[in-house]
Amino acid sequence: MNKFFQRDIISVRDLDKQELETIFDAAEKIIKLDPNERQEIARGKTLGYLFFEPSTRTRLSFQAAIALLGGTSLGIADIASSSAKKGESLADTVKIMSIYSDILVLRHTLDGSSRFAAEVSSKPVINAGSGTEEHPTQAIQDLFTIRKEKKKIDGLKIGIVGDLKYGRTVYSLLYALANYDVEVHLTSPEVLKIRPESIYEIKNSLSFTESTNIEEYLDDLDVLYVTRIQKERFPDEEEYLKVKGSYVIGLDLLQKMKDDAIILHPLPRLDEISTDVDKTKQARYFEQAEYGKYTRAALMGLILNENGF
């Protein structure tokens, strides 16, 4: 039985370990499938995308993913070119897009936007980022990358560094990791520590420490997940300037890490990972971006096909 058929994906908290593993296995299958077979998974289906916030990787990977499956895509990549600029409500925009599409993907600046969209849409909705809340498909992509590169998730020591207050990828990742037996070390400036109210429900199922010193656990990590400081979410630019560049991953820090550790980043990056790191074997963030295409293809394939694929 395919539990994903016609299902909204709003929060990674709605997925248990078995469901996450189902998506990962489906992604592995898509990677291995003959291209002609892949093209049949979503043939005749249309993805509608609504991006009210800038995006490169997420939007393009969804478009690449549906094309990989033989489907097509249409949508709004820029609010300035949509009727929202004329004052059209989000509800009406979503309703119209659901008429033209078989599945919708939404990124919006407001918290709760994707859950609201799912209520008014006649087609399944995937949350591609809702305000400061979550980015579930990024977490799915992140965990798949870890499983693919480290051959497992359980038993790993994972460090997450950077903007833990405003970075929505961080919350989705933590919610997903709560399904696994992992040790998590959180590193951030004091003012960008994790929001306690946002992880209240998982603090008993996830073992984590908090620190401001990036070197404290560095030599023990299997995975280092780096995030940028989210300038656009700071209410005051002066506060942003105080923490800008707090942590920079360069070759000096790399020498203190395990030889087989991997470095991930949801991208885009600013200056938090030196470009010198790109050519090292620990750097896996570009592979991570590629895996996003396959995990999103797997998810859409499951949502669009009653019996899976």
C-alpha atoms as a PDB file:
ATOM      1  CA  MET A   1       0.000   0.000   0.000  1.00  0.00           C
ATOM      2  CA  ASN A   2       1.325   3.437  -0.980  1.00  0.00           C
ATOM      3  CA  LYS A   3       0.718   5.801   1.952  1.00  0.00           C
ATOM      4  CA  PHE A   4       1.910   8.801  -0.066  1.00  0.00           C
ATOM      5  CA  PHE A   5      -0.728   8.765  -2.805  1.00  0.00           C
ATOM      6  CA  GLN A   6      -2.359  12.243  -3.069  1.00  0.00           C
ATOM      7  CA  ARG A   7      -0.776  13.225   0.251  1.00  0.00           C
ATOM      8  CA  ASP A   8       0.279  16.741   1.289  1.00  0.00           C
ATOM      9  CA  ILE A   9       3.877  17.077   2.528  1.00  0.00           C
ATOM     10  CA  ILE A  10       3.796  20.067   4.872  1.00  0.00           C
ATOM     11  CA  SER A  11       6.037  19.033   7.760  1.00  0.00           C
ATOM     12  CA  VAL A  12       8.708  16.370   8.077  1.00  0.00           C
ATOM     13  CA  ARG A  13       7.185  15.745  11.516  1.00  0.00           C
ATOM     14  CA  ASP A  14       4.306  14.046   9.691  1.00  0.00           C
ATOM     15  CA  LEU A  15       6.723  11.348   8.472  1.00  0.00           C
ATOM     16  CA  ASP A  16       7.968   8.448  10.572  1.00  0.00           C
ATOM     17  CA  LYS A  17      11.215   6.539  10.055  1.00  0.00           C
ATOM     18  CA  GLN A  18       9.610   3.879   7.881  1.00  0.00           C
ATOM     19  CA  GLU A  19       8.075   6.520   5.596  1.00  0.00           C
ATOM     20  CA  LEU A  20      11.387   8.370   5.303  1.00  0.00           C
ATOM     21  CA  GLU A  21      13.105   5.114   4.375  1.00  0.00           C
ATOM     22  CA  THR A  22      10.383   4.449   1.783  1.00  0.00           C
ATOM     23  CA  ILE A  23      11.236   7.768   0.105  1.00  0.00           C
ATOM     24  CA  PHE A  24      14.974   6.995   0.251  1.00  0.00           C
ATOM     25  CA  ASP A  25      14.433   3.551  -1.301  1.00  0.00           C
ATOM     26  CA  ALA A  26      12.271   5.138  -4.031  1.00  0.00           C
ATOM     27  CA  ALA A  27      15.057   7.662  -4.739  1.00  0.00           C
ATOM     28  CA  GLU A  28      17.573   4.812  -5.059  1.00  0.00           C
ATOM     29  CA  LYS A  29      15.199   3.106  -7.490  1.00  0.00           C
ATOM     30  CA  ILE A  30      14.873   6.262  -9.616  1.00  0.00           C
ATOM     31  CA  ILE A  31      18.658   6.618  -9.807  1.00  0.00           C
ATOM     32  CA  LYS A  32      18.956   3.038 -11.077  1.00  0.00           C
ATOM     33  CA  LEU A  33      15.912   2.963 -13.374  1.00  0.00           C
ATOM     34  CA  ASP A  34      16.253   2.921 -17.127  1.00  0.00           C
ATOM     35  CA  PRO A  35      15.546   6.494 -18.405  1.00  0.00           C
ATOM     36  CA  ASN A  36      12.626   5.277 -20.533  1.00  0.00           C
ATOM     37  CA  GLU A  37      10.987   3.609 -17.524  1.00  0.00           C
ATOM     38  CA  ARG A  38      11.508   6.735 -15.430  1.00  0.00           C
ATOM     39  CA  GLN A  39       9.730   8.820 -18.049  1.00  0.00           C
ATOM     40  CA  GLU A  40       6.540   6.829 -17.497  1.00  0.00           C
ATOM     41  CA  ILE A  41       6.249   7.638 -13.756  1.00  0.00           C
ATOM     42  CA  ALA A  42       4.680  11.085 -14.274  1.00  0.00           C
ATOM     43  CA  ARG A  43       3.896  11.101 -17.986  1.00  0.00           C
ATOM     44  CA  GLY A  44       0.974  13.473 -18.626  1.00  0.00           C
ATOM     45  CA  LYS A  45       1.249  15.026 -15.145  1.00  0.00           C
ATOM     46  CA  THR A  46       1.951  18.688 -14.401  1.00  0.00           C
ATOM     47  CA  LEU A  47       3.768  20.242 -11.475  1.00  0.00           C
ATOM     48  CA  GLY A  48       2.596  23.722 -10.504  1.00  0.00           C
ATOM     49  CA  TYR A  49       5.147  25.785  -8.586  1.00  0.00           C
ATOM     50  CA  LEU A  50       4.451  28.950  -6.599  1.00  0.00           C
ATOM     51  CA  PHE A  51       7.578  30.681  -5.316  1.00  0.00           C
ATOM     52  CA  PHE A  52       6.874  33.879  -3.418  1.00  0.00           C
ATOM     53  CA  GLU A  53      10.454  33.881  -2.132  1.00  0.00           C
ATOM     54  CA  PRO A  54      13.720  33.673  -4.113  1.00  0.00           C
ATOM     55  CA  SER A  55      14.953  30.163  -4.874  1.00  0.00           C
ATOM     56  CA  THR A  56      17.429  28.532  -7.206  1.00  0.00           C
ATOM     57  CA  ARG A  57      18.100  24.921  -6.163  1.00  0.00           C
ATOM     58  CA  THR A  58      14.690  24.062  -4.737  1.00  0.00           C
ATOM     59  CA  ARG A  59      12.623  25.340  -7.656  1.00  0.00           C
ATOM     60  CA  LEU A  60      14.979  24.071 -10.335  1.00  0.00           C
ATOM     61  CA  SER A  61      15.364  20.672  -8.688  1.00  0.00           C
ATOM     62  CA  PHE A  62      11.561  20.260  -8.574  1.00  0.00           C
ATOM     63  CA  GLN A  63      11.367  21.190 -12.258  1.00  0.00           C
ATOM     64  CA  ALA A  64      14.243  18.854 -13.104  1.00  0.00           C
ATOM     65  CA  ALA A  65      12.636  16.104 -11.015  1.00  0.00           C
ATOM     66  CA  ILE A  66       9.244  16.220 -12.737  1.00  0.00           C
ATOM     67  CA  ALA A  67      10.997  16.336 -16.153  1.00  0.00           C
ATOM     68  CA  LEU A  68      13.028  13.269 -15.119  1.00  0.00           C
ATOM     69  CA  LEU A  69       9.703  11.467 -14.561  1.00  0.00           C
ATOM     70  CA  GLY A  70       8.246  12.517 -17.920  1.00  0.00           C
ATOM     71  CA  GLY A  71       6.025  15.299 -16.567  1.00  0.00           C
ATOM     72  CA  THR A  72       5.878  19.033 -17.203  1.00  0.00           C
ATOM     73  CA  SER A  73       5.929  22.106 -14.958  1.00  0.00           C
ATOM     74  CA  LEU A  74       4.517  25.600 -14.927  1.00  0.00           C
ATOM     75  CA  GLY A  75       4.265  28.311 -12.342  1.00  0.00           C
ATOM     76  CA  ILE A  76       5.396  31.513 -10.707  1.00  0.00           C
ATOM     77  CA  ALA A  77       9.083  31.979 -10.029  1.00  0.00           C
ATOM     78  CA  ASP A  78       8.805  35.651  -9.149  1.00  0.00           C
ATOM     79  CA  ILE A  79       5.978  37.360  -7.264  1.00  0.00           C
ATOM     80  CA  ALA A  80       6.458  40.470  -9.421  1.00  0.00           C
ATOM     81  CA  SER A  81       5.238  38.558 -12.477  1.00  0.00           C
ATOM     82  CA  SER A  82       2.128  37.157 -10.777  1.00  0.00           C
ATOM     83  CA  SER A  83      -1.354  38.453  -9.985  1.00  0.00           C
ATOM     84  CA  ALA A  84      -0.324  38.527  -6.326  1.00  0.00           C
ATOM     85  CA  LYS A  85       1.352  41.794  -7.303  1.00  0.00           C
ATOM     86  CA  LYS A  86      -2.154  43.076  -8.114  1.00  0.00           C
ATOM     87  CA  GLY A  87      -3.415  41.999  -4.718  1.00  0.00           C
ATOM     88  CA  GLU A  88      -4.737  38.509  -5.478  1.00  0.00           C
ATOM     89  CA  SER A  89      -5.002  36.437  -2.295  1.00  0.00           C
ATOM     90  CA  LEU A  90      -2.844  33.380  -1.689  1.00  0.00           C
ATOM     91  CA  ALA A  91      -6.015  31.285  -1.492  1.00  0.00           C
ATOM     92  CA  ASP A  92      -7.144  32.317  -4.974  1.00  0.00           C
ATOM     93  CA  THR A  93      -3.670  31.860  -6.455  1.00  0.00           C
ATOM     94  CA  VAL A  94      -3.469  28.345  -5.001  1.00  0.00           C
ATOM     95  CA  LYS A  95      -6.981  27.442  -6.188  1.00  0.00           C
ATOM     96  CA  ILE A  96      -6.210  28.575  -9.736  1.00  0.00           C
ATOM     97  CA  MET A  97      -2.887  26.754  -9.818  1.00  0.00           C
ATOM     98  CA  SER A  98      -4.534  23.555  -8.558  1.00  0.00           C
ATOM     99  CA  ILE A  99      -6.892  23.711 -11.558  1.00  0.00           C
ATOM    100  CA  TYR A 100      -3.925  23.721 -13.940  1.00  0.00           C
ATOM    101  CA  SER A 101      -1.734  21.176 -12.095  1.00  0.00           C
ATOM    102  CA  ASP A 102      -1.676  17.679 -10.631  1.00  0.00           C
ATOM    103  CA  ILE A 103       0.621  18.582  -7.743  1.00  0.00           C
ATOM    104  CA  LEU A 104       1.678  21.921  -6.224  1.00  0.00           C
ATOM    105  CA  VAL A 105       4.881  23.084  -4.590  1.00  0.00           C
ATOM    106  CA  LEU A 106       4.813  26.329  -2.557  1.00  0.00           C
ATOM    107  CA  ARG A 107       7.465  28.568  -1.027  1.00  0.00           C
ATOM    108  CA  HIS A 108       6.189  31.556   0.918  1.00  0.00           C
ATOM    109  CA  THR A 109       7.447  34.097   3.433  1.00  0.00           C
ATOM    110  CA  LEU A 110       4.625  33.499   5.922  1.00  0.00           C
ATOM    111  CA  ASP A 111       4.602  30.843   8.648  1.00  0.00           C
ATOM    112  CA  GLY A 112       1.655  28.509   8.133  1.00  0.00           C
ATOM    113  CA  SER A 113       1.372  29.310   4.415  1.00  0.00           C
ATOM    114  CA  SER A 114       1.792  25.739   3.167  1.00  0.00           C
ATOM    115  CA  ARG A 115      -0.679  24.289   5.662  1.00  0.00           C
ATOM    116  CA  PHE A 116      -3.185  26.947   4.612  1.00  0.00           C
ATOM    117  CA  ALA A 117      -2.530  26.197   0.923  1.00  0.00           C
ATOM    118  CA  ALA A 118      -3.167  22.483   1.529  1.00  0.00           C
ATOM    119  CA  GLU A 119      -6.578  23.358   2.999  1.00  0.00           C
ATOM    120  CA  VAL A 120      -7.707  25.331  -0.059  1.00  0.00           C
ATOM    121  CA  SER A 121      -6.024  23.306  -2.817  1.00  0.00           C
ATOM    122  CA  SER A 122      -7.807  20.478  -4.606  1.00  0.00           C
ATOM    123  CA  LYS A 123      -4.407  18.901  -5.396  1.00  0.00           C
ATOM    124  CA  PRO A 124      -1.622  17.713  -3.078  1.00  0.00           C
ATOM    125  CA  VAL A 125       0.715  20.439  -1.803  1.00  0.00           C
ATOM    126  CA  ILE A 126       4.423  20.141  -1.016  1.00  0.00           C
ATOM    127  CA  ASN A 127       5.946  22.728   1.315  1.00  0.00           C
ATOM    128  CA  ALA A 128       9.143  24.126  -0.242  1.00  0.00           C
ATOM    129  CA  GLY A 129       9.724  26.536   2.655  1.00  0.00           C
ATOM    130  CA  SER A 130       7.190  28.303   4.851  1.00  0.00           C
ATOM    131  CA  GLY A 131       8.503  31.388   6.620  1.00  0.00           C
ATOM    132  CA  THR A 132      10.811  30.422   9.491  1.00  0.00           C
ATOM    133  CA  GLU A 133       9.072  27.077  10.039  1.00  0.00           C
ATOM    134  CA  GLU A 134      10.190  24.210   7.857  1.00  0.00           C
ATOM    135  CA  HIS A 135      11.619  22.977   4.576  1.00  0.00           C
ATOM    136  CA  PRO A 136      10.727  19.259   4.628  1.00  0.00           C
ATOM    137  CA  THR A 137      12.053  18.218   1.218  1.00  0.00           C
ATOM    138  CA  GLN A 138      15.435  19.718   2.118  1.00  0.00           C
ATOM    139  CA  ALA A 139      15.566  17.509   5.223  1.00  0.00           C
ATOM    140  CA  ILE A 140      14.626  14.470   3.130  1.00  0.00           C
ATOM    141  CA  GLN A 141      17.417  15.349   0.706  1.00  0.00           C
ATOM    142  CA  ASP A 142      19.859  15.905   3.595  1.00  0.00           C
ATOM    143  CA  LEU A 143      19.148  12.553   5.244  1.00  0.00           C
ATOM    144  CA  PHE A 144      19.313  10.745   1.920  1.00  0.00           C
ATOM    145  CA  THR A 145      22.726  12.337   1.311  1.00  0.00           C
ATOM    146  CA  ILE A 146      23.941  11.158   4.713  1.00  0.00           C
ATOM    147  CA  ARG A 147      22.613   7.639   4.104  1.00  0.00           C
ATOM    148  CA  LYS A 148      24.113   7.554   0.614  1.00  0.00           C
ATOM    149  CA  GLU A 149      27.539   8.912   1.591  1.00  0.00           C
ATOM    150  CA  LYS A 150      27.922   7.286   5.037  1.00  0.00           C
ATOM    151  CA  LYS A 151      25.929   4.106   4.242  1.00  0.00           C
ATOM    152  CA  LYS A 152      23.812   4.650   7.373  1.00  0.00           C
ATOM    153  CA  ILE A 153      22.213   7.280   9.607  1.00  0.00           C
ATOM    154  CA  ASP A 154      21.852   5.499  12.943  1.00  0.00           C
ATOM    155  CA  GLY A 155      24.918   5.749  15.151  1.00  0.00           C
ATOM    156  CA  LEU A 156      26.361   8.894  13.568  1.00  0.00           C
ATOM    157  CA  LYS A 157      27.569  12.070  15.264  1.00  0.00           C
ATOM    158  CA  ILE A 158      26.228  15.103  13.442  1.00  0.00           C
ATOM    159  CA  GLY A 159      27.246  18.733  13.934  1.00  0.00           C
ATOM    160  CA  ILE A 160      24.998  21.584  12.793  1.00  0.00           C
ATOM    161  CA  VAL A 161      26.602  25.010  12.708  1.00  0.00           C
ATOM    162  CA  GLY A 162      25.484  28.550  11.848  1.00  0.00           C
ATOM    163  CA  ASP A 163      22.084  30.210  12.062  1.00  0.00           C
ATOM    164  CA  LEU A 164      20.015  27.853  14.197  1.00  0.00           C
ATOM    165  CA  LYS A 165      17.371  30.429  15.095  1.00  0.00           C
ATOM    166  CA  TYR A 166      16.127  31.482  11.662  1.00  0.00           C
ATOM    167  CA  GLY A 167      17.360  28.616   9.471  1.00  0.00           C
ATOM    168  CA  ARG A 168      14.241  26.573   8.648  1.00  0.00           C
ATOM    169  CA  THR A 169      16.322  23.780   7.091  1.00  0.00           C
ATOM    170  CA  VAL A 170      17.767  23.207  10.571  1.00  0.00           C
ATOM    171  CA  TYR A 171      14.361  22.585  12.164  1.00  0.00           C
ATOM    172  CA  SER A 172      13.246  20.162   9.469  1.00  0.00           C
ATOM    173  CA  LEU A 173      16.561  18.327   9.773  1.00  0.00           C
ATOM    174  CA  LEU A 174      16.265  18.045  13.560  1.00  0.00           C
ATOM    175  CA  TYR A 175      12.665  16.820  13.347  1.00  0.00           C
ATOM    176  CA  ALA A 176      13.728  14.150  10.846  1.00  0.00           C
ATOM    177  CA  LEU A 177      16.803  13.136  12.849  1.00  0.00           C
ATOM    178  CA  ALA A 178      14.574  12.536  15.887  1.00  0.00           C
ATOM    179  CA  ASN A 179      13.554   9.299  14.124  1.00  0.00           C
ATOM    180  CA  TYR A 180      17.125   7.995  14.302  1.00  0.00           C
ATOM    181  CA  ASP A 181      19.693   7.048  16.913  1.00  0.00           C
ATOM    182  CA  VAL A 182      22.113   9.937  16.419  1.00  0.00           C
ATOM    183  CA  GLU A 183      24.125  12.350  18.523  1.00  0.00           C
ATOM    184  CA  VAL A 184      23.706  15.997  17.489  1.00  0.00           C
ATOM    185  CA  HIS A 185      25.981  18.920  18.365  1.00  0.00           C
ATOM    186  CA  LEU A 186      24.571  22.401  17.719  1.00  0.00           C
ATOM    187  CA  THR A 187      26.972  25.326  17.298  1.00  0.00           C
ATOM    188  CA  SER A 188      25.880  28.943  16.872  1.00  0.00           C
ATOM    189  CA  PRO A 189      26.392  32.466  18.167  1.00  0.00           C
ATOM    190  CA  GLU A 190      24.486  32.984  21.423  1.00  0.00           C
ATOM    191  CA  VAL A 191      21.846  35.151  19.710  1.00  0.00           C
ATOM    192  CA  LEU A 192      21.222  32.497  17.033  1.00  0.00           C
ATOM    193  CA  LYS A 193      20.681  29.489  19.293  1.00  0.00           C
ATOM    194  CA  ILE A 194      17.904  27.054  18.490  1.00  0.00           C
ATOM    195  CA  ARG A 195      14.389  28.251  19.420  1.00  0.00           C
ATOM    196  CA  PRO A 196      13.458  26.132  22.481  1.00  0.00           C
ATOM    197  CA  GLU A 197       9.729  26.253  21.736  1.00  0.00           C
ATOM    198  CA  SER A 198      10.319  24.860  18.239  1.00  0.00           C
ATOM    199  CA  ILE A 199      12.085  21.704  19.434  1.00  0.00           C
ATOM    200  CA  TYR A 200      10.101  21.159  22.620  1.00  0.00           C
ATOM    201  CA  GLU A 201       8.332  18.073  21.305  1.00  0.00           C
ATOM    202  CA  ILE A 202      11.515  16.298  20.151  1.00  0.00           C
ATOM    203  CA  LYS A 203      13.925  17.144  22.965  1.00  0.00           C
ATOM    204  CA  ASN A 204      13.216  13.806  24.653  1.00  0.00           C
ATOM    205  CA  SER A 205      13.778  11.779  21.492  1.00  0.00           C
ATOM    206  CA  LEU A 206      16.901  13.556  20.222  1.00  0.00           C
ATOM    207  CA  SER A 207      20.217  13.759  22.039  1.00  0.00           C
ATOM    208  CA  PHE A 208      21.912  17.123  21.443  1.00  0.00           C
ATOM    209  CA  THR A 209      24.385  19.566  22.944  1.00  0.00           C
ATOM    210  CA  GLU A 210      24.691  23.332  22.378  1.00  0.00           C
ATOM    211  CA  SER A 211      27.889  25.351  22.067  1.00  0.00           C
ATOM    212  CA  THR A 212      29.318  28.549  20.605  1.00  0.00           C
ATOM    213  CA  ASN A 213      32.728  26.950  19.931  1.00  0.00           C
ATOM    214  CA  ILE A 214      32.900  25.142  16.600  1.00  0.00           C
ATOM    215  CA  GLU A 215      36.028  23.197  17.576  1.00  0.00           C
ATOM    216  CA  GLU A 216      34.511  21.674  20.700  1.00  0.00           C
ATOM    217  CA  TYR A 217      33.204  18.520  19.006  1.00  0.00           C
ATOM    218  CA  LEU A 218      34.727  18.917  15.540  1.00  0.00           C
ATOM    219  CA  ASP A 219      37.190  16.008  15.728  1.00  0.00           C
ATOM    220  CA  ASP A 220      34.403  13.612  16.721  1.00  0.00           C
ATOM    221  CA  LEU A 221      31.881  14.398  13.974  1.00  0.00           C
ATOM    222  CA  ASP A 222      30.864  12.124  11.117  1.00  0.00           C
ATOM    223  CA  VAL A 223      28.804  14.863   9.450  1.00  0.00           C
ATOM    224  CA  LEU A 224      29.195  18.647   9.614  1.00  0.00           C
ATOM    225  CA  TYR A 225      26.095  20.475   8.389  1.00  0.00           C
ATOM    226  CA  VAL A 226      26.832  24.148   7.752  1.00  0.00           C
ATOM    227  CA  THR A 227      24.198  26.871   7.326  1.00  0.00           C
ATOM    228  CA  ARG A 228      24.489  30.512   6.315  1.00  0.00           C
ATOM    229  CA  ILE A 229      23.481  33.401   8.562  1.00  0.00           C
ATOM    230  CA  GLN A 230      19.987  34.303   7.295  1.00  0.00           C
ATOM    231  CA  LYS A 231      20.358  38.053   6.758  1.00  0.00           C
ATOM    232  CA  GLU A 232      16.857  38.403   5.265  1.00  0.00           C
ATOM    233  CA  ARG A 233      15.200  37.164   8.484  1.00  0.00           C
ATOM    234  CA  PHE A 234      16.920  39.569  10.885  1.00  0.00           C
ATOM    235  CA  PRO A 235      14.594  42.336  12.100  1.00  0.00           C
ATOM    236  CA  ASP A 236      17.640  44.614  12.537  1.00  0.00           C
ATOM    237  CA  GLU A 237      20.609  44.723  10.139  1.00  0.00           C
ATOM    238  CA  GLU A 238      22.905  45.856  12.951  1.00  0.00           C
ATOM    239  CA  GLU A 239      22.238  42.551  14.732  1.00  0.00           C
ATOM    240  CA  TYR A 240      23.082  40.680  11.542  1.00  0.00           C
ATOM    241  CA  LEU A 241      26.392  42.513  11.139  1.00  0.00           C
ATOM    242  CA  LYS A 242      27.391  41.501  14.686  1.00  0.00           C
ATOM    243  CA  VAL A 243      27.222  37.780  13.843  1.00  0.00           C
ATOM    244  CA  LYS A 244      28.106  37.826  10.136  1.00  0.00           C
ATOM    245  CA  GLY A 245      31.065  35.548   9.450  1.00  0.00           C
ATOM    246  CA  SER A 246      30.963  33.952  12.907  1.00  0.00           C
ATOM    247  CA  TYR A 247      32.130  30.606  11.544  1.00  0.00           C
ATOM    248  CA  VAL A 248      34.160  29.916   8.425  1.00  0.00           C
ATOM    249  CA  ILE A 249      34.978  26.339   7.430  1.00  0.00           C
ATOM    250  CA  GLY A 250      38.416  26.390   5.832  1.00  0.00           C
ATOM    251  CA  LEU A 251      41.250  23.936   5.274  1.00  0.00           C
ATOM    252  CA  ASP A 252      42.578  24.656   8.775  1.00  0.00           C
ATOM    253  CA  LEU A 253      39.404  23.339  10.413  1.00  0.00           C
ATOM    254  CA  LEU A 254      39.209  20.468   7.937  1.00  0.00           C
ATOM    255  CA  GLN A 255      42.523  19.139   9.268  1.00  0.00           C
ATOM    256  CA  LYS A 256      40.892  18.742  12.684  1.00  0.00           C
ATOM    257  CA  MET A 257      38.044  16.599  11.341  1.00  0.00           C
ATOM    258  CA  LYS A 258      37.863  12.851  10.822  1.00  0.00           C
ATOM    259  CA  ASP A 259      39.306  11.725   7.510  1.00  0.00           C
ATOM    260  CA  ASP A 260      35.977  10.193   6.473  1.00  0.00           C
ATOM    261  CA  ALA A 261      33.736  12.994   7.774  1.00  0.00           C
ATOM    262  CA  ILE A 262      31.512  14.763   5.265  1.00  0.00           C
ATOM    263  CA  ILE A 263      30.525  18.425   5.012  1.00  0.00           C
ATOM    264  CA  LEU A 264      27.007  19.374   3.911  1.00  0.00           C
ATOM    265  CA  HIS A 265      25.325  22.714   3.221  1.00  0.00           C
ATOM    266  CA  PRO A 266      21.760  23.376   1.997  1.00  0.00           C
ATOM    267  CA  LEU A 267      23.112  26.268  -0.108  1.00  0.00           C
ATOM    268  CA  PRO A 268      23.326  29.060  -1.097  1.00  0.00           C
ATOM    269  CA  ARG A 269      26.545  29.741   0.749  1.00  0.00           C
ATOM    270  CA  LEU A 270      28.104  33.118   1.381  1.00  0.00           C
ATOM    271  CA  ASP A 271      31.459  32.980   3.158  1.00  0.00           C
ATOM    272  CA  GLU A 272      30.809  30.204   5.689  1.00  0.00           C
ATOM    273  CA  ILE A 273      32.639  27.549   3.625  1.00  0.00           C
ATOM    274  CA  SER A 274      35.840  28.533   1.868  1.00  0.00           C
ATOM    275  CA  THR A 275      35.949  27.605  -1.820  1.00  0.00           C
ATOM    276  CA  ASP A 276      39.260  25.833  -1.022  1.00  0.00           C
ATOM    277  CA  VAL A 277      37.156  23.154   0.680  1.00  0.00           C
ATOM    278  CA  ASP A 278      35.222  22.387  -2.531  1.00  0.00           C
ATOM    279  CA  LYS A 279      37.927  20.157  -3.960  1.00  0.00           C
ATOM    280  CA  THR A 280      38.404  18.087  -0.801  1.00  0.00           C
ATOM    281  CA  LYS A 281      36.910  14.626  -0.366  1.00  0.00           C
ATOM    282  CA  GLN A 282      34.921  15.796   2.665  1.00  0.00           C
ATOM    283  CA  ALA A 283      32.921  18.307   0.597  1.00  0.00           C
ATOM    284  CA  ARG A 284      29.583  16.734  -0.344  1.00  0.00           C
ATOM    285  CA  TYR A 285      27.312  19.771  -0.748  1.00  0.00           C
ATOM    286  CA  PHE A 286      27.209  19.668  -4.550  1.00  0.00           C
ATOM    287  CA  GLU A 287      26.365  15.946  -4.467  1.00  0.00           C
ATOM    288  CA  GLN A 288      23.734  16.894  -1.865  1.00  0.00           C
ATOM    289  CA  ALA A 289      22.197  19.341  -4.353  1.00  0.00           C
ATOM    290  CA  GLU A 290      22.097  16.617  -7.016  1.00  0.00           C
ATOM    291  CA  TYR A 291      20.424  14.159  -4.641  1.00  0.00           C
ATOM    292  CA  GLY A 292      17.694  16.763  -4.169  1.00  0.00           C
ATOM    293  CA  LYS A 293      16.537  16.083  -7.711  1.00  0.00           C
ATOM    294  CA  TYR A 294      16.190  12.355  -7.050  1.00  0.00           C
ATOM    295  CA  THR A 295      14.519  12.620  -3.634  1.00  0.00           C
ATOM    296  CA  ARG A 296      11.974  15.146  -4.926  1.00  0.00           C
ATOM    297  CA  ALA A 297      11.341  12.965  -7.961  1.00  0.00           C
ATOM    298  CA  ALA A 298      10.787   9.989  -5.644  1.00  0.00           C
ATOM    299  CA  LEU A 299       8.375  11.942  -3.467  1.00  0.00           C
ATOM    300  CA  MET A 300       6.342  13.216  -6.425  1.00  0.00           C
ATOM    301  CA  GLY A 301       6.330   9.772  -8.008  1.00  0.00           C
ATOM    302  CA  LEU A 302       4.854   8.317  -4.821  1.00  0.00           C
ATOM    303  CA  ILE A 303       2.274  11.109  -4.479  1.00  0.00           C
ATOM    304  CA  LEU A 304       1.115  10.833  -8.097  1.00  0.00           C
ATOM    305  CA  ASN A 305       0.846   7.032  -8.396  1.00  0.00           C
ATOM    306  CA  GLU A 306      -1.653   5.098  -6.316  1.00  0.00           C
ATOM    307  CA  ASN A 307       0.369   1.897  -6.410  1.00  0.00           C
ATOM    308  CA  GLY A 308       3.778   3.538  -6.263  1.00  0.00           C
ATOM    309  CA  PHE A 309       6.229   2.887  -9.068  1.00  0.00           C
END
